[in-house]
């Protein structure tokens, strides 16, 4: 194959992948923008952001001190086990 033919072939492949990537990005952007609430109404990005932050806040408030202590103990237990296996 000549260099010119190779270049043309490569360029046509690049155009195809660029178009596919563009289409994929466009679809994901549309999906992102199509979020709806429980009533089926469309939600803006800002509303969605506030909702997720509220959910995280509620989740963090429900964690008790006992849970934190248990997680910490498990963490250190795993670390000790890792040191033993080395």
N, C-alpha and C. Protein backbone atom coordinates (compact mmCIF):
# COMPACT_ATOMS: atom_id res chain seq x y z
N UNK A 1 0.84 -1.19 0.00
CA UNK A 1 0.00 0.00 0.00
C UNK A 1 0.88 1.25 0.00
N UNK A 2 0.47 2.21 -0.74
CA UNK A 2 1.26 3.44 -0.76
C UNK A 2 0.96 4.26 0.48
N UNK A 3 1.83 5.20 0.77
CA UNK A 3 1.65 6.03 1.96
C UNK A 3 0.36 6.84 1.88
N UNK A 4 0.06 7.33 0.68
CA UNK A 4 -1.13 8.14 0.52
C UNK A 4 -2.39 7.30 0.80
N UNK A 5 -2.39 6.08 0.31
CA UNK A 5 -3.54 5.21 0.52
C UNK A 5 -3.69 4.88 2.02
N UNK A 6 -2.55 4.62 2.67
CA UNK A 6 -2.58 4.34 4.11
C UNK A 6 -3.14 5.53 4.88
N UNK A 7 -2.68 6.73 4.50
CA UNK A 7 -3.14 7.94 5.18
C UNK A 7 -4.64 8.11 5.02
N UNK A 8 -5.14 7.90 3.79
CA UNK A 8 -6.57 8.03 3.54
C UNK A 8 -7.37 7.03 4.38
N UNK A 9 -6.86 5.81 4.44
CA UNK A 9 -7.54 4.77 5.20
C UNK A 9 -7.59 5.14 6.69
N UNK A 10 -6.46 5.59 7.21
CA UNK A 10 -6.39 5.99 8.61
C UNK A 10 -7.31 7.17 8.90
N UNK A 11 -7.32 8.15 8.00
CA UNK A 11 -8.17 9.32 8.19
C UNK A 11 -9.65 8.95 8.21
N UNK A 12 -10.04 8.03 7.33
CA UNK A 12 -11.44 7.63 7.29
C UNK A 12 -11.82 6.90 8.58
N UNK A 13 -10.89 6.10 9.11
CA UNK A 13 -11.16 5.41 10.38
C UNK A 13 -11.32 6.44 11.50
N UNK A 14 -10.44 7.44 11.53
CA UNK A 14 -10.52 8.47 12.55
C UNK A 14 -11.85 9.20 12.50
N UNK A 15 -12.31 9.50 11.29
CA UNK A 15 -13.60 10.19 11.15
C UNK A 15 -14.73 9.34 11.73
N UNK A 16 -14.68 8.05 11.49
CA UNK A 16 -15.71 7.15 12.01
C UNK A 16 -15.71 7.11 13.52
N UNK A 17 -14.53 7.02 14.12
CA UNK A 17 -14.48 6.97 15.58
C UNK A 17 -14.87 8.30 16.18
N UNK A 18 -14.50 9.39 15.53
CA UNK A 18 -14.90 10.71 16.04
C UNK A 18 -16.41 10.85 16.06
N UNK A 19 -17.05 10.38 14.98
CA UNK A 19 -18.50 10.48 14.90
C UNK A 19 -19.14 9.60 15.97
N UNK A 20 -18.61 8.39 16.16
CA UNK A 20 -19.17 7.49 17.17
C UNK A 20 -19.01 8.09 18.56
N UNK A 21 -17.85 8.65 18.85
CA UNK A 21 -17.63 9.27 20.15
C UNK A 21 -18.56 10.44 20.37
N UNK A 22 -18.74 11.24 19.32
CA UNK A 22 -19.62 12.40 19.42
C UNK A 22 -21.06 11.94 19.71
N UNK A 23 -21.51 10.92 18.99
CA UNK A 23 -22.86 10.39 19.21
C UNK A 23 -23.02 9.86 20.63
N UNK A 24 -22.00 9.14 21.10
CA UNK A 24 -22.07 8.58 22.45
C UNK A 24 -22.13 9.68 23.49
N UNK A 25 -21.28 10.71 23.33
CA UNK A 25 -21.29 11.83 24.27
C UNK A 25 -22.65 12.52 24.27
N UNK A 26 -23.22 12.68 23.08
CA UNK A 26 -24.51 13.35 22.97
C UNK A 26 -25.60 12.54 23.69
N UNK A 27 -25.59 11.22 23.53
CA UNK A 27 -26.58 10.38 24.18
C UNK A 27 -26.46 10.45 25.69
N UNK A 28 -25.22 10.37 26.20
CA UNK A 28 -25.05 10.42 27.65
C UNK A 28 -25.47 11.78 28.19
N UNK A 29 -25.20 12.84 27.45
CA UNK A 29 -25.61 14.17 27.88
C UNK A 29 -27.13 14.27 27.93
N UNK A 30 -27.79 13.69 26.93
CA UNK A 30 -29.25 13.69 26.92
C UNK A 30 -29.79 12.91 28.12
N UNK A 31 -29.18 11.75 28.40
CA UNK A 31 -29.62 10.96 29.55
C UNK A 31 -29.45 11.74 30.85
N UNK A 32 -28.32 12.44 30.95
CA UNK A 32 -28.04 13.23 32.14
C UNK A 32 -29.09 14.32 32.30
N UNK A 33 -29.50 14.90 31.21
CA UNK A 33 -30.46 16.00 31.26
C UNK A 33 -31.90 15.52 31.41
N UNK A 34 -32.14 14.22 31.24
CA UNK A 34 -33.51 13.71 31.29
C UNK A 34 -33.92 13.24 32.68
N UNK A 35 -33.16 13.53 33.70
CA UNK A 35 -33.49 13.05 35.04
C UNK A 35 -34.85 13.61 35.47
N UNK A 36 -35.63 12.78 36.13
CA UNK A 36 -36.95 13.20 36.58
C UNK A 36 -37.09 12.90 38.06
N UNK A 37 -37.99 13.61 38.71
CA UNK A 37 -38.25 13.37 40.13
C UNK A 37 -39.35 12.32 40.27
N UNK A 38 -39.83 12.12 41.51
CA UNK A 38 -40.82 11.08 41.77
C UNK A 38 -42.13 11.34 41.04
N UNK A 39 -42.47 12.61 40.81
CA UNK A 39 -43.72 12.95 40.13
C UNK A 39 -43.57 12.86 38.61
N UNK A 40 -42.39 12.59 38.11
CA UNK A 40 -42.18 12.49 36.68
C UNK A 40 -41.85 13.82 36.02
N UNK A 41 -41.58 14.83 36.83
CA UNK A 41 -41.23 16.13 36.27
C UNK A 41 -39.73 16.18 36.03
N UNK A 42 -39.34 16.91 35.02
CA UNK A 42 -37.91 17.02 34.73
C UNK A 42 -37.21 17.82 35.82
N UNK A 43 -35.97 17.45 36.09
CA UNK A 43 -35.18 18.09 37.14
C UNK A 43 -33.99 18.79 36.50
N UNK A 44 -33.68 19.97 36.98
CA UNK A 44 -32.48 20.66 36.49
C UNK A 44 -31.27 20.08 37.20
N UNK A 45 -30.09 20.36 36.68
CA UNK A 45 -28.87 19.83 37.29
C UNK A 45 -28.70 20.35 38.72
N UNK A 46 -29.05 21.61 38.93
CA UNK A 46 -28.89 22.20 40.27
C UNK A 46 -29.80 21.51 41.29
N UNK A 47 -31.05 21.24 40.90
CA UNK A 47 -31.96 20.54 41.80
C UNK A 47 -31.45 19.14 42.11
N UNK A 48 -30.94 18.48 41.09
CA UNK A 48 -30.41 17.13 41.28
C UNK A 48 -29.24 17.15 42.25
N UNK A 49 -28.39 18.13 42.10
CA UNK A 49 -27.23 18.27 42.98
C UNK A 49 -27.67 18.48 44.43
N UNK A 50 -28.64 19.35 44.65
CA UNK A 50 -29.10 19.59 46.01
C UNK A 50 -29.73 18.34 46.60
N UNK A 51 -30.47 17.59 45.80
CA UNK A 51 -31.09 16.36 46.30
C UNK A 51 -30.04 15.35 46.74
N UNK A 52 -29.00 15.16 45.91
CA UNK A 52 -27.97 14.18 46.27
C UNK A 52 -27.22 14.62 47.52
N UNK A 53 -26.97 15.92 47.65
CA UNK A 53 -26.28 16.40 48.86
C UNK A 53 -27.15 16.18 50.09
N UNK A 54 -28.45 16.39 49.96
CA UNK A 54 -29.34 16.15 51.10
C UNK A 54 -29.35 14.68 51.49
N UNK A 55 -29.37 13.80 50.49
CA UNK A 55 -29.36 12.37 50.78
C UNK A 55 -28.09 11.97 51.53
N UNK A 56 -26.94 12.51 51.08
CA UNK A 56 -25.67 12.21 51.75
C UNK A 56 -25.69 12.71 53.18
N UNK A 57 -26.24 13.91 53.39
CA UNK A 57 -26.30 14.50 54.72
C UNK A 57 -27.13 13.63 55.65
N UNK A 58 -28.29 13.18 55.18
CA UNK A 58 -29.17 12.32 55.99
C UNK A 58 -28.45 11.02 56.32
N UNK A 59 -27.76 10.46 55.34
CA UNK A 59 -27.05 9.19 55.55
C UNK A 59 -25.98 9.37 56.62
N UNK A 60 -25.24 10.48 56.56
CA UNK A 60 -24.18 10.71 57.54
C UNK A 60 -24.74 10.96 58.93
N UNK A 61 -25.91 11.57 59.03
CA UNK A 61 -26.51 11.81 60.34
C UNK A 61 -26.95 10.51 61.00
N UNK A 62 -27.30 9.51 60.21
CA UNK A 62 -27.78 8.25 60.75
C UNK A 62 -26.65 7.36 61.29
N UNK A 63 -25.41 7.69 61.00
CA UNK A 63 -24.29 6.89 61.48
C UNK A 63 -24.06 7.22 62.96
N UNK A 64 -24.08 6.19 63.77
CA UNK A 64 -23.89 6.40 65.20
C UNK A 64 -22.42 6.24 65.56
N UNK A 65 -22.11 6.57 66.79
CA UNK A 65 -20.73 6.45 67.25
C UNK A 65 -20.29 4.99 67.28
N UNK A 66 -21.22 4.09 67.62
CA UNK A 66 -20.89 2.66 67.64
C UNK A 66 -20.47 2.18 66.25
N UNK A 67 -21.21 2.64 65.23
CA UNK A 67 -20.86 2.25 63.86
C UNK A 67 -19.47 2.72 63.50
N UNK A 68 -19.15 3.96 63.88
CA UNK A 68 -17.82 4.50 63.58
C UNK A 68 -16.74 3.68 64.27
N UNK A 69 -16.98 3.34 65.54
CA UNK A 69 -16.00 2.53 66.27
C UNK A 69 -15.82 1.16 65.63
N UNK A 70 -16.94 0.55 65.22
CA UNK A 70 -16.87 -0.77 64.59
C UNK A 70 -16.08 -0.70 63.30
N UNK A 71 -16.35 0.33 62.49
CA UNK A 71 -15.60 0.48 61.23
C UNK A 71 -14.11 0.65 61.49
N UNK A 72 -13.79 1.44 62.50
CA UNK A 72 -12.39 1.68 62.82
C UNK A 72 -11.71 0.38 63.26
N UNK A 73 -12.39 -0.40 64.11
CA UNK A 73 -11.82 -1.68 64.55
C UNK A 73 -11.58 -2.61 63.37
N UNK A 74 -12.56 -2.69 62.47
CA UNK A 74 -12.42 -3.56 61.30
C UNK A 74 -11.25 -3.10 60.43
N UNK A 75 -11.11 -1.79 60.30
CA UNK A 75 -10.02 -1.24 59.49
C UNK A 75 -8.67 -1.67 60.05
N UNK A 76 -8.48 -1.49 61.36
CA UNK A 76 -7.20 -1.85 61.96
C UNK A 76 -6.98 -3.36 61.95
N UNK A 77 -8.05 -4.15 62.09
CA UNK A 77 -7.92 -5.60 62.04
C UNK A 77 -7.42 -6.02 60.66
N UNK A 78 -7.98 -5.43 59.60
CA UNK A 78 -7.52 -5.75 58.23
C UNK A 78 -6.06 -5.38 58.05
N UNK A 79 -5.68 -4.24 58.59
CA UNK A 79 -4.27 -3.81 58.45
C UNK A 79 -3.33 -4.79 59.13
N UNK A 80 -3.72 -5.26 60.32
CA UNK A 80 -2.89 -6.24 61.03
C UNK A 80 -2.77 -7.53 60.22
N UNK A 81 -3.90 -7.97 59.64
CA UNK A 81 -3.87 -9.18 58.83
C UNK A 81 -2.97 -9.01 57.62
N UNK A 82 -3.01 -7.83 57.01
CA UNK A 82 -2.15 -7.59 55.85
C UNK A 82 -0.68 -7.63 56.25
N UNK A 83 -0.36 -7.09 57.40
CA UNK A 83 1.04 -7.11 57.85
C UNK A 83 1.51 -8.54 58.08
N UNK A 84 0.62 -9.38 58.61
CA UNK A 84 0.98 -10.77 58.85
C UNK A 84 1.27 -11.52 57.55
N UNK A 85 0.49 -11.23 56.53
CA UNK A 85 0.65 -11.97 55.27
C UNK A 85 1.89 -11.55 54.51
N UNK A 86 2.45 -10.39 54.80
CA UNK A 86 3.63 -9.92 54.08
C UNK A 86 4.88 -10.63 54.45
